[in-house]
Amino acid sequence: MGVTRRVFLQAAVAAGATGTAVLAQPAAAGAATAASGPGDVVGKVTVGYQGWFACIGDGAPIDTWWHWSANGSAAPSPSNTGIVAWPDVRDYTHTYPTGYAALGNGLPAALFSSYDQQTVDTHFSWLKENGIDAAALQRFNPNGSEGPTRDAMAVKVRAAAEQYGRKFYIMYDVSDWTAMQAEIKTDWTAKMRAHTASPAYAVQNGKPVVCVWGFGFADDQRPFSADACLDVVNWFKNQGCYVIGGVPTWWRTGDRDSRPGFSDVYHAFDMLSPWMVGRIGNVADADNFYNVATVPDLAECAAHGIDYQPCVLPGAVTLRQRAHGDFMWRQFYNMVRAGVQGVYISMFDEFNEGNQIAKTAESQQWVPADSGFLALDEDGTACSADYYLRLTGDGGRMLKGQLALTATRPTQPVPDGGGTPPAGGNLALHRATAESSHTQDYVCAHATDGDPDSYWESADGAFPQWLQVDLGAPVAVGRIVLSLPPAAAWSARTQTLSVRGSTDGTAFTQLAGAAAYAFDPAAGNTATLTLPAAATTRYLRLDFTANTGWPAAQVGEVAVFAS
């Protein structure tokens, strides 16, 4: 298992921060010229994808609680954990019971396995739903016990990227890889290069993309000489690859976290992506690094014909850095106003360090009661589980010029602004969902995604089933509109359902009794439920008992309106 990057990098924070002692006035970015035109990484947002979580019983060759537990032979628990933040698992078909107490809402504390294809599919569906372009699959030394599982993960990521129209590429992390210089070449030619045949494999300037992370870091985990590193970079370029370098923060000055004498190595890359985790922790830090790193780095890259892909991070939940998105948005603003060629998100699923953007427990109701973990509302502001996915999507749109450059975060922590949603609008749009079950990839999140062609479908042949929407705050609900995809291929059908509500997600009361509702494509394929008496509720649950058109519950979109 690769040692976490923060082990070394946190030790460098103090040194890194001395780039300037006082926060300067924002510097004006130079007219940096992009070395490359738009492609699969230039002009795009890429997330770092670990894909390194496994559970005993999931069928993975590693057969351990990989990265979930300190002792992988035993289920994770408060005394045996490898994580500092708790994932929201409502969208996963398969989860695995742990040694933690129940969640605050009474549900069992279970975790996902990256080895389940449905997990990877779910992650890539989130990327698609939020307009996030690509994922860099992390690949540590594949020649030990982790190798077979990592090989399988590359296959699973490829399949998910192809299914959901996202891009992916291989990102080698050379940490603790003693024979890296020879073995990385063998691994590429014998295994990973085959994935470049996929239409989903990222291409830049007509070349398959590969990233090597770790050259030049001044620590014992990456003791490689400059000559060995330059040999590897040039070898990949000779293989026809577009090569990204995951490099130290201070690559340009060659000090602090960077070894001296690596300038030729850094300048040999096609794109540079300096590491930032552990370097900044608040908006002032982000502005400081804009002046002392981003702007001069970008000028140096432009002078050498190198593309620039700096890190943007949400902040560590455990360190209370996130400031309900203001910290991350300030980084996006600084990167876009500087004129960077791309953005790398650190990371997608890094629950071990708490800097993940994947769906995360939004409150203590969704965290194991005995864990001590913080949730996304740790600073008192309610945040939906998918908030940092949505924030990343908006940052990407600003990078691409689809949103105007703004220092004011446009993304609300809870859709529709949180708190009591405004009257007149769809209170369920982009809200968190839960379900009794689903089939294939027809997950409950489709019911609030605003896309009329996507839909939730429960497991076949097993009624009753339920679909739940978290409105974010108690609100007086008067009307619910259910829809199915409008395509004429959907035959008319009648579904029987009732409605329950709850203010805490645990104790539910009936709001509307069971009734049959007709869905007809000729009439828009919608059905309206008017509650007999407006009820104040936060969690709205639809209980299905029959469907004349298919042996499962089906909902394309749930629209909820205040009384």
Protein backbone atom coordinates (compact mmCIF):
# COMPACT_ATOMS: atom_id res chain seq x y z
CA MET A 1 0.00 0.00 0.00
CA GLY A 2 1.40 3.40 -0.96
CA VAL A 3 2.08 5.61 2.01
CA THR A 4 -0.30 8.56 2.16
CA ARG A 5 1.08 11.66 0.50
CA ARG A 6 0.31 13.76 3.55
CA VAL A 7 2.86 11.88 5.73
CA PHE A 8 5.62 13.87 4.08
CA LEU A 9 3.70 16.83 2.77
CA GLN A 10 2.23 18.01 6.05
CA ALA A 11 5.77 18.35 7.35
CA ALA A 12 6.49 20.77 4.54
CA VAL A 13 3.61 23.15 5.24
CA ALA A 14 5.61 25.49 7.42
CA ALA A 15 8.46 25.67 4.94
CA GLY A 16 6.07 26.10 2.01
CA ALA A 17 4.22 28.95 3.66
CA THR A 18 7.40 30.96 3.87
CA GLY A 19 7.24 31.74 0.18
CA THR A 20 6.12 35.12 1.45
CA ALA A 21 5.59 36.14 5.02
CA VAL A 22 2.72 38.54 4.47
CA LEU A 23 -0.28 38.21 2.20
CA ALA A 24 0.44 40.45 -0.73
CA GLN A 25 -2.08 42.26 -2.86
CA PRO A 26 -3.25 39.93 -5.66
CA ALA A 27 -0.79 39.99 -8.48
CA ALA A 28 -1.99 40.47 -12.01
CA ALA A 29 -1.63 37.27 -14.00
CA GLY A 30 0.59 37.51 -17.03
CA ALA A 31 -0.70 36.86 -20.50
CA ALA A 32 0.23 33.20 -20.31
CA THR A 33 0.05 31.44 -23.64
CA ALA A 34 -1.24 27.86 -23.62
CA ALA A 35 1.23 25.41 -25.10
CA SER A 36 -1.61 23.20 -26.31
CA GLY A 37 -5.10 23.67 -27.62
CA PRO A 38 -8.16 22.21 -25.92
CA GLY A 39 -8.15 18.46 -25.50
CA ASP A 40 -9.02 15.86 -22.90
CA VAL A 41 -6.91 17.55 -20.19
CA VAL A 42 -6.24 21.07 -21.49
CA GLY A 43 -9.31 23.16 -20.75
CA LYS A 44 -10.74 20.40 -18.57
CA VAL A 45 -11.20 19.37 -14.92
CA THR A 46 -9.64 16.07 -13.86
CA VAL A 47 -10.21 14.34 -10.53
CA GLY A 48 -7.67 12.12 -8.83
CA TYR A 49 -9.35 8.72 -8.46
CA GLN A 50 -7.89 6.34 -5.86
CA GLY A 51 -10.25 3.39 -6.40
CA TRP A 52 -8.45 1.64 -3.55
CA PHE A 53 -11.22 0.59 -1.17
CA ALA A 54 -12.02 -3.10 -0.79
CA CYS A 55 -13.95 -5.16 1.73
CA ILE A 56 -13.61 -8.78 2.79
CA GLY A 57 -16.25 -10.67 0.86
CA ASP A 58 -16.29 -8.44 -2.23
CA GLY A 59 -14.29 -10.89 -4.37
CA ALA A 60 -11.24 -8.65 -4.75
CA PRO A 61 -7.93 -10.59 -4.98
CA ILE A 62 -6.50 -8.55 -2.13
CA ASP A 63 -9.21 -9.97 0.20
CA THR A 64 -8.88 -7.37 2.93
CA TRP A 65 -10.49 -4.18 4.20
CA TRP A 66 -8.15 -2.31 1.87
CA HIS A 67 -7.69 1.29 3.02
CA TRP A 68 -10.77 1.16 5.26
CA SER A 69 -9.00 -0.41 8.24
CA ALA A 70 -5.62 -0.02 9.90
CA ASN A 71 -5.67 -3.81 10.32
CA GLY A 72 -7.18 -4.97 7.05
CA SER A 73 -8.02 -8.43 8.34
CA ALA A 74 -10.66 -6.97 10.65
CA ALA A 75 -13.68 -4.83 9.84
CA PRO A 76 -13.23 -1.09 10.34
CA SER A 77 -14.32 0.22 13.73
CA PRO A 78 -13.52 3.17 16.00
CA SER A 79 -10.34 1.38 17.13
CA ASN A 80 -9.41 0.05 13.69
CA THR A 81 -9.86 2.72 11.06
CA GLY A 82 -7.98 4.04 8.06
CA ILE A 83 -10.35 6.91 7.26
CA VAL A 84 -11.21 10.29 8.75
CA ALA A 85 -14.48 10.99 6.92
CA TRP A 86 -17.58 8.89 6.27
CA PRO A 87 -19.00 8.37 2.78
CA ASP A 88 -22.66 8.74 1.90
CA VAL A 89 -23.53 5.25 0.59
CA ARG A 90 -27.16 5.71 -0.42
CA ASP A 91 -26.44 5.34 -4.14
CA TYR A 92 -24.62 2.00 -3.90
CA THR A 93 -26.29 -1.35 -4.53
CA HIS A 94 -23.77 -3.33 -2.47
CA THR A 95 -22.35 -2.28 0.88
CA TYR A 96 -20.55 -4.19 3.61
CA PRO A 97 -21.29 -4.11 7.36
CA THR A 98 -18.61 -2.68 9.64
CA GLY A 99 -17.77 -2.74 13.34
CA TYR A 100 -19.06 0.79 13.87
CA ALA A 101 -22.26 1.58 15.73
CA ALA A 102 -25.34 2.52 13.70
CA LEU A 103 -25.53 5.90 12.02
CA GLY A 104 -27.16 8.74 13.88
CA ASN A 105 -30.42 7.99 12.03
CA GLY A 106 -30.35 4.33 13.10
CA LEU A 107 -29.29 2.87 9.75
CA PRO A 108 -26.45 0.31 9.84
CA ALA A 109 -22.91 1.63 9.29
CA ALA A 110 -21.85 0.06 6.00
CA LEU A 111 -19.16 0.91 3.45
CA PHE A 112 -18.71 0.48 -0.29
CA SER A 113 -16.09 -1.50 -2.16
CA SER A 114 -14.32 0.03 -5.15
CA TYR A 115 -14.05 -3.50 -6.51
CA ASP A 116 -17.80 -3.63 -7.18
CA GLN A 117 -18.41 -2.45 -10.73
CA GLN A 118 -21.59 -0.73 -9.57
CA THR A 119 -19.52 1.44 -7.23
CA VAL A 120 -17.27 2.62 -10.04
CA ASP A 121 -20.27 3.09 -12.31
CA THR A 122 -21.92 5.21 -9.64
CA HIS A 123 -18.81 7.37 -9.28
CA PHE A 124 -18.60 7.98 -13.01
CA SER A 125 -22.32 8.71 -13.17
CA TRP A 126 -21.66 11.45 -10.60
CA LEU A 127 -18.91 12.85 -12.83
CA LYS A 128 -21.32 12.92 -15.75
CA GLU A 129 -24.17 14.45 -13.75
CA ASN A 130 -21.89 17.29 -12.63
CA GLY A 131 -20.07 17.89 -15.90
CA ILE A 132 -16.68 16.74 -14.56
CA ASP A 133 -14.51 15.72 -17.46
CA ALA A 134 -11.94 13.10 -16.50
CA ALA A 135 -10.48 10.86 -13.82
CA ALA A 136 -6.80 10.08 -13.28
CA LEU A 137 -6.63 6.51 -11.95
CA GLN A 138 -3.93 6.30 -9.29
CA ARG A 139 -1.51 3.41 -9.84
CA PHE A 140 1.09 2.64 -7.19
CA ASN A 141 3.74 -0.08 -7.51
CA PRO A 142 1.67 -2.88 -9.08
CA ASN A 143 4.17 -5.68 -8.48
CA GLY A 144 3.23 -6.59 -4.92
CA SER A 145 0.11 -8.03 -3.33
CA GLU A 146 -1.98 -5.07 -4.50
CA GLY A 147 -1.15 -5.66 -8.16
CA PRO A 148 -4.02 -7.95 -9.25
CA THR A 149 -6.61 -5.74 -7.59
CA ARG A 150 -5.12 -2.61 -9.15
CA ASP A 151 -5.11 -4.32 -12.56
CA ALA A 152 -8.79 -5.13 -12.13
CA MET A 153 -9.57 -1.57 -11.09
CA ALA A 154 -8.15 -0.28 -14.37
CA VAL A 155 -10.58 -2.53 -16.24
CA LYS A 156 -13.51 -1.36 -14.11
CA VAL A 157 -12.64 2.32 -14.52
CA ARG A 158 -12.35 1.85 -18.27
CA ALA A 159 -15.81 0.25 -18.44
CA ALA A 160 -17.40 3.02 -16.35
CA ALA A 161 -15.72 5.79 -18.34
CA GLU A 162 -16.96 4.27 -21.58
CA GLN A 163 -20.49 3.86 -20.23
CA TYR A 164 -20.80 7.41 -18.92
CA GLY A 165 -18.85 9.28 -21.57
CA ARG A 166 -16.04 10.43 -19.28
CA LYS A 167 -12.29 10.32 -19.92
CA PHE A 168 -9.67 8.53 -17.83
CA TYR A 169 -5.91 8.08 -17.82
CA ILE A 170 -3.27 6.27 -15.80
CA MET A 171 -1.47 8.26 -13.11
CA TYR A 172 1.56 6.45 -11.71
CA ASP A 173 2.51 7.32 -8.13
CA VAL A 174 6.15 6.31 -7.69
CA SER A 175 6.13 6.44 -3.89
CA ASP A 176 8.10 3.57 -2.33
CA TRP A 177 8.66 1.92 -5.73
CA THR A 178 12.26 0.83 -5.44
CA ALA A 179 12.72 -0.59 -8.96
CA MET A 180 10.52 2.06 -10.56
CA GLN A 181 12.82 3.05 -13.43
CA ALA A 182 12.60 -0.35 -15.11
CA GLU A 183 9.30 -1.66 -13.79
CA ILE A 184 7.17 1.35 -14.77
CA LYS A 185 8.16 0.81 -18.39
CA THR A 186 7.32 -2.89 -18.26
CA ASP A 187 3.98 -2.19 -16.60
CA TRP A 188 3.04 0.32 -19.27
CA THR A 189 3.96 -1.85 -22.25
CA ALA A 190 2.65 -5.13 -20.83
CA LYS A 191 -0.56 -3.91 -19.17
CA MET A 192 -1.64 -0.29 -19.07
CA ARG A 193 -0.93 0.72 -22.66
CA ALA A 194 -3.70 -1.63 -23.80
CA HIS A 195 -6.27 0.69 -22.23
CA THR A 196 -5.31 3.49 -24.61
CA ALA A 197 -7.35 1.62 -27.23
CA SER A 198 -10.49 2.68 -25.35
CA PRO A 199 -12.41 5.64 -26.82
CA ALA A 200 -12.62 6.87 -23.22
CA TYR A 201 -8.86 7.02 -22.71
CA ALA A 202 -7.75 10.67 -22.49
CA VAL A 203 -5.89 12.06 -25.48
CA GLN A 204 -4.10 15.39 -25.68
CA ASN A 205 -2.42 16.72 -28.82
CA GLY A 206 -3.25 13.41 -30.48
CA LYS A 207 -1.32 11.45 -27.82
CA PRO A 208 -2.51 9.19 -24.99
CA VAL A 209 -2.10 10.87 -21.61
CA VAL A 210 -0.05 9.39 -18.79
CA CYS A 211 0.93 11.07 -15.54
CA VAL A 212 3.89 10.30 -13.27
CA TRP A 213 3.51 11.68 -9.75
CA GLY A 214 6.43 12.04 -7.36
CA PHE A 215 9.57 12.99 -9.28
CA GLY A 216 11.73 15.54 -7.48
CA PHE A 217 10.17 15.38 -4.02
CA ALA A 218 12.75 15.87 -1.28
CA ASP A 219 11.82 12.89 0.88
CA ASP A 220 12.83 9.28 1.44
CA GLN A 221 9.81 7.82 -0.32
CA ARG A 222 10.99 9.08 -3.72
CA PRO A 223 14.79 9.01 -3.66
CA PHE A 224 15.26 8.76 -7.42
CA SER A 225 18.04 10.66 -9.14
CA ALA A 226 17.34 13.35 -11.70
CA ASP A 227 18.91 11.21 -14.43
CA ALA A 228 16.64 8.25 -13.64
CA CYS A 229 13.56 10.47 -13.64
CA LEU A 230 14.49 12.20 -16.89
CA ASP A 231 15.03 8.80 -18.48
CA VAL A 232 11.48 7.75 -17.56
CA VAL A 233 9.90 10.99 -18.80
CA ASN A 234 11.70 10.79 -22.13
CA TRP A 235 10.87 7.09 -22.46
CA PHE A 236 7.14 7.78 -22.16
CA LYS A 237 7.42 10.63 -24.64
CA ASN A 238 9.21 8.30 -27.05
CA GLN A 239 6.28 5.92 -26.67
CA GLY A 240 4.12 8.67 -28.14
CA CYS A 241 2.56 9.77 -24.84
CA TYR A 242 1.60 13.20 -23.58
CA VAL A 243 3.26 13.16 -20.14
CA ILE A 244 2.02 15.03 -17.07
CA GLY A 245 4.27 15.51 -14.06
CA GLY A 246 2.83 15.53 -10.56
CA VAL A 247 5.61 17.63 -9.06
CA PRO A 248 6.51 19.40 -5.79
CA THR A 249 4.91 22.74 -4.96
CA TRP A 250 8.28 24.47 -5.24
CA TRP A 251 9.41 22.81 -8.47
CA ARG A 252 10.21 26.18 -10.06
CA THR A 253 12.56 27.36 -7.30
CA GLY A 254 14.02 23.91 -6.63
CA ASP A 255 13.91 24.17 -2.83
CA ARG A 256 11.73 23.39 0.22
CA ASP A 257 9.78 20.29 -0.91
CA SER A 258 11.79 19.96 -4.14
CA ARG A 259 15.20 18.44 -4.59
CA PRO A 260 17.72 20.76 -6.27
CA GLY A 261 18.97 19.89 -9.74
CA PHE A 262 15.63 18.70 -11.16
CA SER A 263 14.94 21.63 -13.49
CA ASP A 264 15.59 19.55 -16.63
CA VAL A 265 13.20 16.87 -15.40
CA TYR A 266 10.42 19.37 -14.73
CA HIS A 267 10.91 21.10 -18.07
CA ALA A 268 10.76 17.78 -19.92
CA PHE A 269 7.08 17.21 -19.05
CA ASP A 270 4.29 18.24 -21.41
CA MET A 271 2.19 19.43 -18.47
CA LEU A 272 3.00 20.19 -14.83
CA SER A 273 0.66 19.67 -11.90
CA PRO A 274 2.20 20.95 -8.64
CA TRP A 275 0.91 19.32 -5.45
CA MET A 276 -1.00 21.47 -2.96
CA VAL A 277 -2.53 19.21 -0.29
CA GLY A 278 -1.14 20.24 3.08
CA ARG A 279 0.09 23.56 1.70
CA ILE A 280 -3.01 25.71 2.08
CA GLY A 281 -5.93 25.61 4.48
CA ASN A 282 -7.95 28.80 4.07
CA VAL A 283 -8.80 31.58 1.65
CA ALA A 284 -5.84 33.75 2.73
CA ASP A 285 -3.46 30.87 2.03
CA ALA A 286 -5.03 30.39 -1.39
CA ASP A 287 -4.54 34.08 -2.25
CA ASN A 288 -0.96 33.94 -1.00
CA PHE A 289 -0.15 30.99 -3.25
CA TYR A 290 -1.75 32.74 -6.19
CA ASN A 291 0.96 35.37 -5.86
CA VAL A 292 3.98 33.31 -4.88
CA ALA A 293 3.33 30.15 -6.89
CA THR A 294 0.50 30.15 -9.44
CA VAL A 295 1.28 33.32 -11.38
CA PRO A 296 5.08 32.83 -11.59
CA ASP A 297 4.65 29.09 -12.23
CA LEU A 298 2.34 29.80 -15.14
CA ALA A 299 4.82 32.27 -16.61
CA GLU A 300 7.63 29.73 -16.30
CA CYS A 301 5.52 27.07 -18.01
CA ALA A 302 4.57 29.45 -20.82
CA ALA A 303 8.24 30.30 -21.39
CA HIS A 304 9.05 26.60 -21.84
CA GLY A 305 5.99 25.52 -23.82
CA ILE A 306 4.53 23.51 -20.93
CA ASP A 307 0.83 23.25 -20.02
CA TYR A 308 -0.13 23.98 -16.40
CA GLN A 309 -2.66 21.97 -14.35
CA PRO A 310 -2.58 23.12 -10.71
CA CYS A 311 -4.41 21.41 -7.87
CA VAL A 312 -7.68 22.58 -6.41
CA LEU A 313 -8.70 20.92 -3.15
CA PRO A 314 -11.93 21.02 -1.14
CA GLY A 315 -10.03 21.03 2.16
CA ALA A 316 -9.80 18.43 4.90
CA VAL A 317 -13.07 17.78 6.70
CA THR A 318 -11.19 16.72 9.83
CA LEU A 319 -9.29 20.04 9.90
CA ARG A 320 -12.44 22.12 9.35
CA GLN A 321 -10.91 23.80 6.29
CA ARG A 322 -13.81 23.73 3.90
CA ALA A 323 -15.79 26.82 5.00
CA HIS A 324 -18.86 25.36 3.22
CA GLY A 325 -17.18 25.69 -0.17
CA ASP A 326 -15.66 29.16 0.07
CA PHE A 327 -12.13 27.73 0.37
CA MET A 328 -12.46 25.59 -2.75
CA TRP A 329 -14.18 28.27 -4.78
CA ARG A 330 -11.44 30.80 -4.02
CA GLN A 331 -8.94 28.39 -5.53
CA PHE A 332 -11.08 27.99 -8.66
CA TYR A 333 -11.36 31.77 -8.94
CA ASN A 334 -7.62 32.24 -8.57
CA MET A 335 -6.79 29.54 -11.11
CA VAL A 336 -9.21 30.81 -13.72
CA ARG A 337 -8.18 34.46 -13.37
CA ALA A 338 -4.55 33.39 -13.71
CA GLY A 339 -5.34 31.61 -16.99
CA VAL A 340 -4.37 28.02 -16.18
CA GLN A 341 -4.71 25.30 -18.83
CA GLY A 342 -6.50 22.77 -16.63
CA VAL A 343 -7.40 21.89 -13.06
CA TYR A 344 -6.64 18.76 -11.06
CA ILE A 345 -8.95 18.02 -8.11
CA SER A 346 -7.23 16.51 -5.08
CA MET A 347 -9.07 14.13 -4.68
CA PHE A 348 -12.27 12.36 -5.69
CA ASP A 349 -12.45 9.57 -3.10
CA GLU A 350 -9.69 10.29 -0.55
CA PHE A 351 -11.66 9.44 2.60
CA ASN A 352 -8.36 8.53 4.27
CA GLU A 353 -7.30 12.17 4.42
CA GLY A 354 -10.73 13.78 4.32
CA ASN A 355 -10.19 15.83 1.14
CA GLN A 356 -12.71 13.95 -1.02
CA ILE A 357 -15.40 15.48 -3.24
CA ALA A 358 -17.36 12.20 -3.54
CA LYS A 359 -20.69 12.11 -1.73
CA THR A 360 -20.02 12.43 1.99
CA ALA A 361 -22.09 12.29 5.16
CA GLU A 362 -23.95 15.57 5.30
CA SER A 363 -24.77 15.59 9.02
CA GLN A 364 -24.31 13.55 12.18
CA GLN A 365 -27.44 11.60 11.20
CA TRP A 366 -25.33 9.99 8.47
CA VAL A 367 -22.19 9.33 10.54
CA PRO A 368 -21.63 6.34 12.86
CA ALA A 369 -22.61 7.44 16.33
CA ASP A 370 -19.36 6.18 17.88
CA SER A 371 -16.96 7.36 15.17
CA GLY A 372 -16.18 10.94 16.14
CA PHE A 373 -16.14 11.83 12.42
CA LEU A 374 -17.20 15.29 11.32
CA ALA A 375 -19.80 15.69 8.58
CA LEU A 376 -20.08 18.32 5.85
CA ASP A 377 -22.06 20.58 8.17
CA GLU A 378 -19.15 20.79 10.64
CA ASP A 379 -19.12 24.62 10.55
CA GLY A 380 -22.85 24.90 11.17
CA THR A 381 -23.87 25.27 7.52
CA ALA A 382 -25.97 22.47 6.07
CA CYS A 383 -24.37 20.92 2.96
CA SER A 384 -25.91 18.24 0.77
CA ALA A 385 -23.91 15.04 0.31
CA ASP A 386 -23.16 15.94 -3.31
CA TYR A 387 -22.22 19.56 -2.62
CA TYR A 388 -18.53 19.31 -3.57
CA LEU A 389 -19.38 17.47 -6.77
CA ARG A 390 -21.71 20.32 -7.70
CA LEU A 391 -19.13 22.91 -6.68
CA THR A 392 -16.50 21.19 -8.84
CA GLY A 393 -18.91 21.15 -11.76
CA ASP A 394 -19.47 24.90 -11.45
CA GLY A 395 -15.73 25.50 -11.14
CA GLY A 396 -15.25 23.58 -14.37
CA ARG A 397 -17.86 25.69 -16.09
CA MET A 398 -16.06 28.84 -15.00
CA LEU A 399 -12.78 27.40 -16.32
CA LYS A 400 -14.45 26.81 -19.70
CA GLY A 401 -16.02 30.26 -19.85
CA GLN A 402 -19.55 28.90 -19.41
CA LEU A 403 -19.83 30.89 -16.18
CA ALA A 404 -18.47 34.41 -15.80
CA LEU A 405 -15.36 34.76 -13.65
CA THR A 406 -16.57 35.48 -10.12
CA ALA A 407 -15.03 35.48 -6.67
CA THR A 408 -18.49 34.84 -5.23
CA ARG A 409 -19.33 31.16 -5.01
CA PRO A 410 -22.45 30.54 -7.18
CA THR A 411 -23.11 27.05 -5.81
CA GLN A 412 -25.40 26.76 -2.82
CA PRO A 413 -24.40 24.25 -0.11
CA VAL A 414 -27.91 22.83 -0.31
CA PRO A 415 -29.69 23.18 -3.68
CA ASP A 416 -32.15 26.07 -3.84
CA GLY A 417 -30.15 27.86 -1.16
CA GLY A 418 -30.66 25.59 1.83
CA GLY A 419 -32.79 26.43 4.82
CA THR A 420 -36.45 26.81 3.90
CA PRO A 421 -36.56 26.49 0.11
CA PRO A 422 -38.22 29.31 -1.80
CA ALA A 423 -41.90 28.97 -2.60
CA GLY A 424 -42.89 28.28 -6.18
CA GLY A 425 -39.86 26.22 -7.22
CA ASN A 426 -39.25 22.49 -7.30
CA LEU A 427 -38.06 21.78 -3.76
CA ALA A 428 -36.72 18.35 -4.73
CA LEU A 429 -34.40 19.39 -7.57
CA HIS A 430 -30.87 18.07 -6.95
CA ARG A 431 -31.79 17.05 -3.42
CA ALA A 432 -30.30 13.97 -1.76
CA THR A 433 -32.28 10.78 -2.18
CA ALA A 434 -32.55 7.31 -0.66
CA GLU A 435 -34.25 4.12 -1.81
CA SER A 436 -35.32 0.64 -0.82
CA SER A 437 -33.47 -0.81 -3.85
CA HIS A 438 -32.63 -0.21 -7.48
CA THR A 439 -31.85 -2.27 -10.55
CA GLN A 440 -28.77 -1.95 -12.77
CA ASP A 441 -27.70 1.72 -12.77
CA TYR A 442 -31.20 3.18 -12.36
CA VAL A 443 -30.35 4.73 -9.00
CA CYS A 444 -32.53 7.01 -6.88
CA ALA A 445 -30.37 10.07 -7.66
CA HIS A 446 -31.88 10.09 -11.16
CA ALA A 447 -35.24 11.05 -9.64
CA THR A 448 -34.01 14.52 -8.65
CA ASP A 449 -31.33 15.22 -11.29
CA GLY A 450 -33.50 17.40 -13.52
CA ASP A 451 -33.05 15.08 -16.51
CA PRO A 452 -36.42 13.81 -17.78
CA ASP A 453 -34.81 10.90 -19.61
CA SER A 454 -33.08 9.38 -16.56
CA TYR A 455 -35.09 7.48 -13.99
CA TRP A 456 -35.10 5.41 -10.81
CA GLU A 457 -36.29 1.81 -10.97
CA SER A 458 -36.49 -0.52 -7.99
CA ALA A 459 -35.59 -4.19 -7.95
CA ASP A 460 -37.95 -6.22 -10.13
CA GLY A 461 -40.73 -8.39 -8.78
CA ALA A 462 -40.57 -7.23 -5.16
CA PHE A 463 -43.16 -4.86 -3.73
CA PRO A 464 -43.39 -2.77 -1.60
CA GLN A 465 -40.59 -0.38 -2.57
CA TRP A 466 -39.86 3.19 -1.50
CA LEU A 467 -38.16 6.33 -2.75
CA GLN A 468 -37.16 9.14 -0.39
CA VAL A 469 -36.18 12.77 -0.97
CA ASP A 470 -34.44 14.97 1.61
CA LEU A 471 -35.77 18.49 1.05
CA GLY A 472 -32.92 19.95 3.10
CA ALA A 473 -35.13 21.62 5.70
CA PRO A 474 -38.69 21.28 7.03
CA VAL A 475 -41.17 22.83 4.63
CA ALA A 476 -44.95 22.79 4.21
CA VAL A 477 -45.52 20.50 1.21
CA GLY A 478 -48.74 20.80 -0.76
CA ARG A 479 -48.19 19.09 -4.12
CA ILE A 480 -45.99 16.36 -5.61
CA VAL A 481 -45.59 15.82 -9.36
CA LEU A 482 -44.17 12.49 -10.50
CA SER A 483 -43.00 11.94 -14.05
CA LEU A 484 -41.64 9.15 -16.20
CA PRO A 485 -39.44 9.63 -19.29
CA PRO A 486 -41.51 11.36 -21.98
CA ALA A 487 -40.49 9.00 -24.79
CA ALA A 488 -43.42 7.40 -26.57
CA ALA A 489 -41.73 4.02 -26.08
CA TRP A 490 -43.00 4.12 -22.50
CA SER A 491 -46.44 2.56 -22.54
CA ALA A 492 -49.19 3.85 -20.29
CA ARG A 493 -49.20 2.42 -16.78
CA THR A 494 -50.72 2.92 -13.35
CA GLN A 495 -48.70 2.92 -10.14
CA THR A 496 -50.15 2.57 -6.67
CA LEU A 497 -48.41 4.52 -3.92
CA SER A 498 -48.80 6.36 -0.65
CA VAL A 499 -46.82 9.23 0.90
CA ARG A 500 -45.13 9.54 4.28
CA GLY A 501 -43.16 12.39 5.81
CA SER A 502 -40.60 12.91 8.56
CA THR A 503 -38.75 15.83 10.10
CA ASP A 504 -35.81 13.71 11.31
CA GLY A 505 -35.53 10.88 8.77
CA THR A 506 -36.48 8.28 11.38
CA ALA A 507 -40.08 8.71 12.55
CA PHE A 508 -42.51 8.89 9.61
CA THR A 509 -46.20 9.78 9.54
CA GLN A 510 -48.63 9.17 6.68
CA LEU A 511 -49.39 12.22 4.56
CA ALA A 512 -51.49 10.56 1.84
CA GLY A 513 -53.06 7.11 1.71
CA ALA A 514 -52.51 4.56 -1.04
CA ALA A 515 -54.03 5.52 -4.38
CA ALA A 516 -53.60 4.60 -8.05
CA TYR A 517 -51.96 7.18 -10.31
CA ALA A 518 -52.05 6.94 -14.11
CA PHE A 519 -49.03 7.78 -16.30
CA ASP A 520 -49.79 8.30 -20.00
CA PRO A 521 -47.10 9.34 -22.54
CA ALA A 522 -49.81 11.05 -24.57
CA ALA A 523 -50.44 13.36 -21.62
CA GLY A 524 -46.81 14.01 -20.66
CA ASN A 525 -46.35 10.87 -18.57
CA THR A 526 -46.90 12.73 -15.29
CA ALA A 527 -49.12 12.31 -12.26
CA THR A 528 -49.93 14.92 -9.62
CA LEU A 529 -50.45 14.10 -5.95
CA THR A 530 -52.17 16.80 -3.93
CA LEU A 531 -51.79 16.27 -0.21
CA PRO A 532 -55.12 16.52 1.61
CA ALA A 533 -53.60 18.83 4.21
CA ALA A 534 -50.31 20.67 3.95
CA ALA A 535 -47.76 18.97 6.19
CA THR A 536 -44.42 20.31 7.34
CA THR A 537 -41.82 17.70 6.51
CA ARG A 538 -38.19 17.41 5.46
CA TYR A 539 -37.94 13.76 4.40
CA LEU A 540 -40.61 12.78 1.89
CA ARG A 541 -41.06 9.04 1.26
CA LEU A 542 -43.13 7.51 -1.54
CA ASP A 543 -44.25 3.92 -0.85
CA PHE A 544 -45.04 1.88 -3.98
CA THR A 545 -47.12 -1.29 -3.92
CA ALA A 546 -48.01 -1.90 -7.59
CA ASN A 547 -47.19 -0.98 -11.21
CA THR A 548 -49.33 -2.24 -14.11
CA GLY A 549 -46.62 -1.56 -16.69
CA TRP A 550 -43.55 -3.15 -15.09
CA PRO A 551 -42.93 -5.32 -12.00
CA ALA A 552 -41.04 -2.52 -10.22
CA ALA A 553 -41.48 1.02 -8.97
CA GLN A 554 -40.43 3.67 -11.49
CA VAL A 555 -39.92 7.42 -11.20
CA GLY A 556 -38.28 9.68 -13.76
CA GLU A 557 -38.47 12.86 -11.70
CA VAL A 558 -39.95 13.93 -8.37
CA ALA A 559 -41.05 17.55 -8.21
CA VAL A 560 -42.21 18.85 -4.83
CA PHE A 561 -43.98 22.16 -4.32
CA ALA A 562 -44.78 24.10 -1.17
CA SER A 563 -48.35 24.62 -0.09
